[in-house]
Amino acid sequence: MEEVGITSAILDIRAPYKGILPASEIAGKQYNPAQEPLINLVSPGDIYLAKIERFDLTRDPLLTLKGKDLGRIVDGILIEIVPTRIPRIVGKKKSMLDMLIKETQCQVVPAANGRILIRGCPSSDHEAIAINAIKIIENTPYIQGLTEKIREYLVIEKVRRGLVRGEG
């Protein structure tokens, strides 16, 4: 969140435009700025997971918090990658994303703007492994069989860090 106004907040959505988040979305109900200033509910620097509800070229994108997993982010880590790499992070039929979630036991939430939320990891080692795997995918998206290579990396790293026992 970059700015807090009287009836809305301005969010950096990593795009040429700023996102507008109405106070009613933040408050979750009809909002009256005379009763409670918006600055009492939010602060610049707060991080929100929101989606674009409406956009046209005459005004900045209108954001909403209505939807699964949307809202203020209070835990986890937010990383940024090149937005064009997000489809590779997700994979065909979500294969890469599902595998990352399964192997790291973390919630991994990629957004079209290149930001990825990682939270709910069992340990900081799991979180670090997830971040490293995402960075590998970002830096080598053209490799054939990347999903299998990432699976191997995840297994080897978990064994190396003592998170699981090696076989054999």
N, C-alpha and C. Protein backbone atom coordinates (compact mmCIF):
# COMPACT_ATOMS: atom_id res chain seq x y z
N MET A 1 0.85 -1.17 0.00
CA MET A 1 0.00 0.00 0.00
C MET A 1 0.90 1.23 0.00
N GLU A 2 0.64 2.12 -0.93
CA GLU A 2 1.48 3.31 -1.04
C GLU A 2 0.89 4.53 -0.34
N GLU A 3 -0.42 4.72 -0.50
CA GLU A 3 -1.08 5.90 0.07
C GLU A 3 -2.42 5.50 0.65
N VAL A 4 -2.83 6.24 1.68
CA VAL A 4 -4.15 6.05 2.25
C VAL A 4 -4.90 7.37 2.10
N GLY A 5 -6.00 7.32 1.37
CA GLY A 5 -6.82 8.51 1.17
C GLY A 5 -8.01 8.51 2.12
N ILE A 6 -9.00 9.31 1.81
CA ILE A 6 -10.18 9.40 2.65
C ILE A 6 -11.11 8.22 2.41
N THR A 7 -11.31 7.86 1.13
CA THR A 7 -12.27 6.79 0.81
C THR A 7 -11.64 5.61 0.09
N SER A 8 -10.31 5.64 -0.11
CA SER A 8 -9.66 4.52 -0.78
C SER A 8 -8.16 4.53 -0.48
N ALA A 9 -7.53 3.43 -0.82
CA ALA A 9 -6.08 3.30 -0.67
C ALA A 9 -5.49 3.04 -2.05
N ILE A 10 -4.26 3.48 -2.24
CA ILE A 10 -3.55 3.31 -3.50
C ILE A 10 -2.53 2.19 -3.31
N LEU A 11 -2.58 1.19 -4.18
CA LEU A 11 -1.66 0.06 -4.09
C LEU A 11 -0.77 -0.02 -5.32
N ASP A 12 0.48 -0.38 -5.10
CA ASP A 12 1.40 -0.65 -6.20
C ASP A 12 1.09 -2.06 -6.69
N ILE A 13 0.57 -2.16 -7.91
CA ILE A 13 0.23 -3.47 -8.45
C ILE A 13 1.25 -3.93 -9.49
N ARG A 14 2.41 -3.26 -9.48
CA ARG A 14 3.51 -3.61 -10.39
C ARG A 14 3.05 -3.55 -11.85
N ALA A 15 2.44 -2.43 -12.17
CA ALA A 15 1.90 -2.19 -13.51
C ALA A 15 2.05 -0.70 -13.79
N PRO A 16 1.79 -0.28 -15.02
CA PRO A 16 1.89 1.15 -15.33
C PRO A 16 0.88 2.01 -14.55
N TYR A 17 -0.14 1.38 -13.99
CA TYR A 17 -1.18 2.08 -13.25
C TYR A 17 -1.12 1.68 -11.79
N LYS A 18 -1.64 2.52 -10.92
CA LYS A 18 -1.78 2.19 -9.50
C LYS A 18 -3.15 1.57 -9.30
N GLY A 19 -3.26 0.64 -8.36
CA GLY A 19 -4.54 0.02 -8.04
C GLY A 19 -5.28 0.83 -6.99
N ILE A 20 -6.58 0.95 -7.15
CA ILE A 20 -7.42 1.67 -6.19
C ILE A 20 -8.22 0.64 -5.40
N LEU A 21 -8.03 0.65 -4.09
CA LEU A 21 -8.76 -0.27 -3.21
C LEU A 21 -9.73 0.56 -2.37
N PRO A 22 -11.04 0.45 -2.66
CA PRO A 22 -12.03 1.25 -1.92
C PRO A 22 -12.05 0.89 -0.43
N ALA A 23 -12.35 1.89 0.38
CA ALA A 23 -12.42 1.69 1.83
C ALA A 23 -13.46 0.63 2.20
N SER A 24 -14.55 0.55 1.44
CA SER A 24 -15.59 -0.45 1.75
C SER A 24 -15.05 -1.87 1.61
N GLU A 25 -14.08 -2.07 0.70
CA GLU A 25 -13.44 -3.39 0.56
C GLU A 25 -12.58 -3.70 1.78
N ILE A 26 -11.86 -2.70 2.25
CA ILE A 26 -10.97 -2.89 3.40
C ILE A 26 -11.79 -3.11 4.66
N ALA A 27 -12.82 -2.28 4.87
CA ALA A 27 -13.65 -2.37 6.07
C ALA A 27 -14.57 -3.58 6.04
N GLY A 28 -14.88 -4.07 4.83
CA GLY A 28 -15.77 -5.22 4.70
C GLY A 28 -17.23 -4.87 4.86
N LYS A 29 -17.55 -3.59 4.82
CA LYS A 29 -18.94 -3.15 4.98
C LYS A 29 -19.06 -1.74 4.40
N GLN A 30 -20.27 -1.16 4.51
CA GLN A 30 -20.43 0.24 4.12
C GLN A 30 -19.46 1.05 4.96
N TYR A 31 -18.80 1.98 4.32
CA TYR A 31 -17.78 2.74 5.03
C TYR A 31 -18.16 4.21 5.10
N ASN A 32 -18.05 4.78 6.29
CA ASN A 32 -18.32 6.19 6.49
C ASN A 32 -17.04 6.83 7.04
N PRO A 33 -16.33 7.63 6.22
CA PRO A 33 -15.07 8.22 6.69
C PRO A 33 -15.23 9.17 7.87
N ALA A 34 -16.45 9.68 8.09
CA ALA A 34 -16.68 10.58 9.22
C ALA A 34 -16.65 9.81 10.54
N GLN A 35 -17.06 8.55 10.51
CA GLN A 35 -17.09 7.75 11.74
C GLN A 35 -15.72 7.19 12.09
N GLU A 36 -14.99 6.72 11.09
CA GLU A 36 -13.66 6.16 11.35
C GLU A 36 -12.76 6.43 10.14
N PRO A 37 -11.72 7.23 10.33
CA PRO A 37 -10.80 7.50 9.21
C PRO A 37 -10.14 6.22 8.72
N LEU A 38 -9.95 6.14 7.42
CA LEU A 38 -9.35 4.95 6.81
C LEU A 38 -7.95 4.68 7.36
N ILE A 39 -7.23 5.73 7.71
CA ILE A 39 -5.87 5.57 8.24
C ILE A 39 -5.86 4.77 9.55
N ASN A 40 -7.02 4.69 10.24
CA ASN A 40 -7.12 3.86 11.45
C ASN A 40 -7.19 2.37 11.12
N LEU A 41 -7.58 2.05 9.88
CA LEU A 41 -7.73 0.65 9.48
C LEU A 41 -6.50 0.11 8.76
N VAL A 42 -5.78 0.96 8.06
CA VAL A 42 -4.63 0.52 7.25
C VAL A 42 -3.49 1.52 7.38
N SER A 43 -2.33 1.09 6.92
CA SER A 43 -1.15 1.96 6.94
C SER A 43 -0.39 1.80 5.63
N PRO A 44 0.30 2.85 5.20
CA PRO A 44 1.19 2.67 4.05
C PRO A 44 2.20 1.57 4.38
N GLY A 45 2.46 0.71 3.43
CA GLY A 45 3.36 -0.42 3.67
C GLY A 45 2.61 -1.73 3.88
N ASP A 46 1.32 -1.66 4.23
CA ASP A 46 0.53 -2.89 4.35
C ASP A 46 0.51 -3.59 2.99
N ILE A 47 0.44 -4.91 3.03
CA ILE A 47 0.43 -5.69 1.80
C ILE A 47 -0.91 -6.42 1.69
N TYR A 48 -1.52 -6.31 0.53
CA TYR A 48 -2.80 -6.95 0.27
C TYR A 48 -2.71 -7.86 -0.94
N LEU A 49 -3.43 -8.96 -0.86
CA LEU A 49 -3.62 -9.83 -2.01
C LEU A 49 -5.01 -9.49 -2.54
N ALA A 50 -5.04 -8.84 -3.70
CA ALA A 50 -6.30 -8.35 -4.27
C ALA A 50 -6.35 -8.74 -5.74
N LYS A 51 -7.53 -8.61 -6.32
CA LYS A 51 -7.63 -8.84 -7.76
C LYS A 51 -8.31 -7.63 -8.40
N ILE A 52 -8.04 -7.46 -9.68
CA ILE A 52 -8.63 -6.34 -10.41
C ILE A 52 -10.08 -6.66 -10.71
N GLU A 53 -10.96 -5.77 -10.26
CA GLU A 53 -12.39 -5.96 -10.49
C GLU A 53 -12.82 -5.28 -11.79
N ARG A 54 -12.32 -4.05 -12.00
CA ARG A 54 -12.66 -3.30 -13.21
C ARG A 54 -11.45 -2.50 -13.66
N PHE A 55 -11.34 -2.37 -14.97
CA PHE A 55 -10.27 -1.54 -15.51
C PHE A 55 -10.64 -1.05 -16.90
N ASP A 56 -10.42 0.22 -17.13
CA ASP A 56 -10.47 0.76 -18.48
C ASP A 56 -9.41 1.86 -18.55
N LEU A 57 -9.12 2.32 -19.72
CA LEU A 57 -8.01 3.26 -19.89
C LEU A 57 -8.28 4.66 -19.38
N THR A 58 -9.51 4.93 -18.92
CA THR A 58 -9.82 6.27 -18.43
C THR A 58 -9.57 6.44 -16.93
N ARG A 59 -9.42 5.33 -16.21
CA ARG A 59 -9.15 5.43 -14.77
C ARG A 59 -8.31 4.25 -14.31
N ASP A 60 -7.70 4.41 -13.16
CA ASP A 60 -6.85 3.35 -12.60
C ASP A 60 -7.67 2.12 -12.26
N PRO A 61 -7.04 0.94 -12.22
CA PRO A 61 -7.75 -0.30 -11.92
C PRO A 61 -8.42 -0.26 -10.55
N LEU A 62 -9.64 -0.74 -10.49
CA LEU A 62 -10.38 -0.86 -9.24
C LEU A 62 -10.16 -2.27 -8.71
N LEU A 63 -9.70 -2.37 -7.47
CA LEU A 63 -9.37 -3.66 -6.88
C LEU A 63 -10.47 -4.14 -5.95
N THR A 64 -10.51 -5.45 -5.73
CA THR A 64 -11.44 -6.04 -4.79
C THR A 64 -10.71 -7.06 -3.91
N LEU A 65 -11.25 -7.25 -2.72
CA LEU A 65 -10.75 -8.27 -1.80
C LEU A 65 -11.73 -9.43 -1.69
N LYS A 66 -12.77 -9.41 -2.53
CA LYS A 66 -13.76 -10.48 -2.51
C LYS A 66 -13.24 -11.65 -3.32
N GLY A 67 -13.07 -12.78 -2.69
CA GLY A 67 -12.56 -13.97 -3.36
C GLY A 67 -11.72 -14.80 -2.41
N LYS A 68 -11.45 -16.01 -2.82
CA LYS A 68 -10.69 -16.96 -2.00
C LYS A 68 -9.27 -16.45 -1.77
N ASP A 69 -8.85 -16.47 -0.53
CA ASP A 69 -7.49 -16.10 -0.10
C ASP A 69 -7.14 -14.63 -0.31
N LEU A 70 -8.10 -13.79 -0.65
CA LEU A 70 -7.80 -12.37 -0.84
C LEU A 70 -7.92 -11.63 0.49
N GLY A 71 -7.12 -10.59 0.65
CA GLY A 71 -7.16 -9.79 1.87
C GLY A 71 -5.78 -9.33 2.27
N ARG A 72 -5.68 -8.84 3.49
CA ARG A 72 -4.40 -8.36 4.01
C ARG A 72 -3.48 -9.54 4.28
N ILE A 73 -2.23 -9.39 3.91
CA ILE A 73 -1.24 -10.44 4.14
C ILE A 73 -0.53 -10.12 5.45
N VAL A 74 -0.65 -11.03 6.40
CA VAL A 74 -0.05 -10.81 7.72
C VAL A 74 1.10 -11.78 8.00
N ASP A 75 1.26 -12.79 7.14
CA ASP A 75 2.35 -13.74 7.34
C ASP A 75 2.89 -14.19 5.99
N GLY A 76 4.02 -14.85 6.03
CA GLY A 76 4.61 -15.35 4.80
C GLY A 76 5.63 -14.39 4.22
N ILE A 77 6.09 -14.72 3.05
CA ILE A 77 7.09 -13.91 2.36
C ILE A 77 6.61 -13.66 0.94
N LEU A 78 6.87 -12.47 0.46
CA LEU A 78 6.47 -12.08 -0.89
C LEU A 78 7.73 -11.92 -1.73
N ILE A 79 7.82 -12.69 -2.81
CA ILE A 79 8.97 -12.55 -3.70
C ILE A 79 8.47 -12.04 -5.05
N GLU A 80 9.39 -11.45 -5.80
CA GLU A 80 9.04 -10.93 -7.12
C GLU A 80 9.91 -11.59 -8.17
N ILE A 81 9.26 -12.01 -9.25
CA ILE A 81 9.97 -12.56 -10.40
C ILE A 81 9.48 -11.83 -11.64
N VAL A 82 10.10 -12.11 -12.76
CA VAL A 82 9.67 -11.53 -14.03
C VAL A 82 8.25 -12.05 -14.31
N PRO A 83 7.27 -11.16 -14.53
CA PRO A 83 5.89 -11.59 -14.72
C PRO A 83 5.69 -12.62 -15.83
N THR A 84 6.51 -12.57 -16.88
CA THR A 84 6.35 -13.54 -17.97
C THR A 84 6.73 -14.95 -17.56
N ARG A 85 7.34 -15.12 -16.39
CA ARG A 85 7.72 -16.45 -15.90
C ARG A 85 6.62 -17.12 -15.07
N ILE A 86 5.59 -16.38 -14.72
CA ILE A 86 4.51 -16.94 -13.90
C ILE A 86 3.88 -18.18 -14.55
N PRO A 87 3.59 -18.18 -15.86
CA PRO A 87 3.03 -19.40 -16.46
C PRO A 87 3.95 -20.62 -16.29
N ARG A 88 5.25 -20.40 -16.25
CA ARG A 88 6.19 -21.52 -16.07
C ARG A 88 6.17 -22.00 -14.62
N ILE A 89 5.96 -21.07 -13.68
CA ILE A 89 5.84 -21.44 -12.27
C ILE A 89 4.59 -22.28 -12.07
N VAL A 90 3.52 -21.93 -12.76
CA VAL A 90 2.26 -22.67 -12.64
C VAL A 90 2.36 -24.00 -13.38
N GLY A 91 2.89 -23.99 -14.60
CA GLY A 91 3.04 -25.22 -15.38
C GLY A 91 1.77 -25.63 -16.08
N LYS A 92 1.91 -26.62 -16.96
CA LYS A 92 0.74 -27.15 -17.67
C LYS A 92 -0.17 -27.85 -16.68
N LYS A 93 -1.43 -27.50 -16.71
CA LYS A 93 -2.43 -28.07 -15.80
C LYS A 93 -1.99 -27.95 -14.34
N LYS A 94 -1.30 -26.84 -14.01
CA LYS A 94 -0.81 -26.55 -12.66
C LYS A 94 0.19 -27.59 -12.15
N SER A 95 0.85 -28.32 -13.05
CA SER A 95 1.74 -29.39 -12.62
C SER A 95 2.91 -28.89 -11.78
N MET A 96 3.56 -27.81 -12.20
CA MET A 96 4.71 -27.29 -11.46
C MET A 96 4.26 -26.73 -10.11
N LEU A 97 3.20 -25.96 -10.10
CA LEU A 97 2.70 -25.35 -8.87
C LEU A 97 2.27 -26.42 -7.87
N ASP A 98 1.51 -27.41 -8.34
CA ASP A 98 1.06 -28.49 -7.45
C ASP A 98 2.25 -29.24 -6.86
N MET A 99 3.28 -29.48 -7.68
CA MET A 99 4.45 -30.19 -7.20
C MET A 99 5.21 -29.34 -6.18
N LEU A 100 5.36 -28.05 -6.42
CA LEU A 100 6.02 -27.16 -5.46
C LEU A 100 5.29 -27.18 -4.12
N ILE A 101 3.98 -27.09 -4.17
CA ILE A 101 3.17 -27.09 -2.95
C ILE A 101 3.31 -28.41 -2.21
N LYS A 102 3.24 -29.52 -2.94
CA LYS A 102 3.32 -30.85 -2.32
C LYS A 102 4.69 -31.09 -1.70
N GLU A 103 5.74 -30.78 -2.44
CA GLU A 103 7.10 -31.10 -1.98
C GLU A 103 7.60 -30.16 -0.88
N THR A 104 7.17 -28.90 -0.89
CA THR A 104 7.64 -27.96 0.13
C THR A 104 6.68 -27.84 1.30
N GLN A 105 5.45 -28.31 1.13
CA GLN A 105 4.40 -28.20 2.14
C GLN A 105 4.09 -26.74 2.47
N CYS A 106 4.33 -25.85 1.50
CA CYS A 106 4.05 -24.42 1.65
C CYS A 106 2.87 -24.05 0.76
N GLN A 107 2.17 -23.01 1.16
CA GLN A 107 1.15 -22.44 0.29
C GLN A 107 1.88 -21.49 -0.65
N VAL A 108 1.76 -21.71 -1.95
CA VAL A 108 2.43 -20.88 -2.96
C VAL A 108 1.34 -20.24 -3.81
N VAL A 109 1.27 -18.90 -3.76
CA VAL A 109 0.21 -18.18 -4.47
C VAL A 109 0.84 -17.23 -5.49
N PRO A 110 0.89 -17.64 -6.77
CA PRO A 110 1.46 -16.76 -7.79
C PRO A 110 0.42 -15.78 -8.33
N ALA A 111 0.87 -14.57 -8.64
CA ALA A 111 -0.01 -13.56 -9.22
C ALA A 111 0.53 -13.16 -10.59
N ALA A 112 -0.35 -12.72 -11.45
CA ALA A 112 0.02 -12.37 -12.83
C ALA A 112 1.05 -11.24 -12.89
N ASN A 113 1.15 -10.44 -11.84
CA ASN A 113 2.10 -9.32 -11.85
C ASN A 113 3.52 -9.74 -11.46
N GLY A 114 3.74 -11.03 -11.26
CA GLY A 114 5.08 -11.52 -10.95
C GLY A 114 5.38 -11.65 -9.47
N ARG A 115 4.43 -11.31 -8.65
CA ARG A 115 4.62 -11.47 -7.21
C ARG A 115 4.10 -12.85 -6.80
N ILE A 116 4.84 -13.48 -5.89
CA ILE A 116 4.47 -14.80 -5.41
C ILE A 116 4.49 -14.78 -3.89
N LEU A 117 3.38 -15.18 -3.28
CA LEU A 117 3.28 -15.26 -1.83
C LEU A 117 3.58 -16.70 -1.42
N ILE A 118 4.50 -16.84 -0.47
CA ILE A 118 4.83 -18.15 0.08
C ILE A 118 4.55 -18.08 1.58
N ARG A 119 3.66 -18.95 2.06
CA ARG A 119 3.33 -18.93 3.49
C ARG A 119 2.90 -20.31 3.95
N GLY A 120 2.81 -20.46 5.25
CA GLY A 120 2.35 -21.72 5.83
C GLY A 120 3.36 -22.84 5.75
N CYS A 121 4.63 -22.51 5.59
CA CYS A 121 5.67 -23.54 5.50
C CYS A 121 5.93 -24.13 6.89
N PRO A 122 6.24 -25.44 6.94
CA PRO A 122 6.52 -26.06 8.24
C PRO A 122 7.78 -25.51 8.90
N SER A 123 8.74 -25.01 8.11
CA SER A 123 9.98 -24.48 8.68
C SER A 123 10.60 -23.47 7.72
N SER A 124 11.60 -22.75 8.22
CA SER A 124 12.31 -21.79 7.37
C SER A 124 13.09 -22.51 6.27
N ASP A 125 13.50 -23.76 6.53
CA ASP A 125 14.18 -24.54 5.49
C ASP A 125 13.24 -24.83 4.32
N HIS A 126 12.00 -25.22 4.63
CA HIS A 126 11.01 -25.47 3.58
C HIS A 126 10.78 -24.20 2.76
N GLU A 127 10.69 -23.07 3.46
CA GLU A 127 10.48 -21.78 2.79
C GLU A 127 11.66 -21.45 1.87
N ALA A 128 12.87 -21.65 2.36
CA ALA A 128 14.07 -21.36 1.56
C ALA A 128 14.14 -22.26 0.33
N ILE A 129 13.78 -23.52 0.49
CA ILE A 129 13.79 -24.45 -0.64
C ILE A 129 12.77 -24.01 -1.69
N ALA A 130 11.58 -23.59 -1.24
CA ALA A 130 10.55 -23.12 -2.18
C ALA A 130 11.04 -21.89 -2.94
N ILE A 131 11.64 -20.94 -2.24
CA ILE A 131 12.14 -19.72 -2.88
C ILE A 131 13.22 -20.06 -3.89
N ASN A 132 14.16 -20.92 -3.50
CA ASN A 132 15.25 -21.30 -4.42
C ASN A 132 14.71 -22.00 -5.66
N ALA A 133 13.73 -22.88 -5.47
CA ALA A 133 13.14 -23.59 -6.61
C ALA A 133 12.49 -22.60 -7.57
N ILE A 134 11.78 -21.62 -7.03
CA ILE A 134 11.13 -20.61 -7.87
C ILE A 134 12.18 -19.80 -8.63
N LYS A 135 13.27 -19.46 -7.97
CA LYS A 135 14.34 -18.70 -8.64
C LYS A 135 14.98 -19.53 -9.75
N ILE A 136 15.13 -20.84 -9.53
CA ILE A 136 15.67 -21.72 -10.58
C ILE A 136 14.73 -21.72 -11.78
N ILE A 137 13.44 -21.85 -11.52
CA ILE A 137 12.44 -21.85 -12.60
C ILE A 137 12.49 -20.52 -13.35
N GLU A 138 12.60 -19.42 -12.61
CA GLU A 138 12.65 -18.10 -13.25
C GLU A 138 13.88 -17.97 -14.15
N ASN A 139 15.01 -18.48 -13.70
CA ASN A 139 16.26 -18.30 -14.44
C ASN A 139 16.49 -19.31 -15.55
N THR A 140 15.77 -20.45 -15.53
CA THR A 140 15.96 -21.48 -16.55
C THR A 140 14.64 -22.02 -17.08
N PRO A 141 13.73 -21.15 -17.54
CA PRO A 141 12.40 -21.61 -17.94
C PRO A 141 12.40 -22.42 -19.23
N TYR A 142 13.46 -22.33 -20.00
CA TYR A 142 13.53 -22.96 -21.32
C TYR A 142 13.98 -24.41 -21.27
N ILE A 143 14.43 -24.90 -20.13
CA ILE A 143 14.94 -26.26 -20.02
C ILE A 143 13.81 -27.27 -20.19
N GLN A 144 14.04 -28.24 -21.05
CA GLN A 144 13.06 -29.30 -21.24
C GLN A 144 13.09 -30.21 -20.01
N GLY A 145 11.93 -30.67 -19.58
CA GLY A 145 11.86 -31.54 -18.41
C GLY A 145 12.12 -30.80 -17.11
N LEU A 146 11.81 -29.50 -17.09
CA LEU A 146 12.11 -28.68 -15.92
C LEU A 146 11.35 -29.15 -14.68
N THR A 147 10.12 -29.59 -14.83
CA THR A 147 9.35 -30.05 -13.67
C THR A 147 10.07 -31.19 -12.97
N GLU A 148 10.58 -32.15 -13.73
CA GLU A 148 11.32 -33.27 -13.13
C GLU A 148 12.62 -32.81 -12.49
N LYS A 149 13.31 -31.88 -13.13
CA LYS A 149 14.56 -31.35 -12.57
C LYS A 149 14.29 -30.62 -11.25
N ILE A 150 13.20 -29.88 -11.19
CA ILE A 150 12.84 -29.18 -9.95
C ILE A 150 12.44 -30.19 -8.88
N ARG A 151 11.72 -31.24 -9.26
CA ARG A 151 11.36 -32.29 -8.30
C ARG A 151 12.63 -32.90 -7.70
N GLU A 152 13.60 -33.21 -8.55
CA GLU A 152 14.88 -33.77 -8.08
C GLU A 152 15.56 -32.79 -7.13
N TYR A 153 15.60 -31.53 -7.51
CA TYR A 153 16.22 -30.50 -6.66
C TYR A 153 15.55 -30.48 -5.29
N LEU A 154 14.22 -30.48 -5.27
CA LEU A 154 13.48 -30.41 -4.00
C LEU A 154 13.79 -31.62 -3.12
N VAL A 155 13.80 -32.80 -3.70
CA VAL A 155 14.09 -34.02 -2.92
C VAL A 155 15.51 -33.97 -2.37
N ILE A 156 16.47 -33.63 -3.22
CA ILE A 156 17.88 -33.58 -2.80
C ILE A 156 18.07 -32.53 -1.70
N GLU A 157 17.47 -31.36 -1.86
CA GLU A 157 17.60 -30.30 -0.86
C GLU A 157 16.97 -30.71 0.47
N LYS A 158 15.81 -31.37 0.43
CA LYS A 158 15.17 -31.80 1.67
C LYS A 158 16.04 -32.82 2.40
N VAL A 159 16.66 -33.72 1.66
CA VAL A 159 17.56 -34.71 2.27
C VAL A 159 18.79 -34.00 2.82
N ARG A 160 19.38 -33.11 2.03
CA ARG A 160 20.59 -32.39 2.44
C ARG A 160 20.37 -31.59 3.72
N ARG A 161 19.19 -31.01 3.85
CA ARG A 161 18.89 -30.20 5.03
C ARG A 161 18.33 -31.03 6.19
N GLY A 162 18.22 -32.34 6.00
CA GLY A 162 17.74 -33.21 7.07
C GLY A 162 16.25 -33.16 7.30
N LEU A 163 15.50 -32.74 6.29
CA LEU A 163 14.04 -32.65 6.43
C LEU A 163 13.37 -33.99 6.16
N VAL A 164 14.03 -34.83 5.36
CA VAL A 164 13.59 -36.20 5.12
C VAL A 164 14.82 -37.08 5.04
N ARG A 165 14.63 -38.35 5.24
CA ARG A 165 15.74 -39.29 5.14
C ARG A 165 15.96 -39.69 3.70
N GLY A 166 17.22 -39.85 3.33
CA GLY A 166 17.55 -40.35 2.00
C GLY A 166 17.22 -41.82 1.91
N GLU A 167 16.97 -42.28 0.71
CA GLU A 167 16.64 -43.69 0.51
C GLU A 167 17.89 -44.44 0.08
N GLY A 168 18.03 -45.65 0.58
CA GLY A 168 19.11 -46.50 0.13
C GLY A 168 20.16 -46.56 1.09
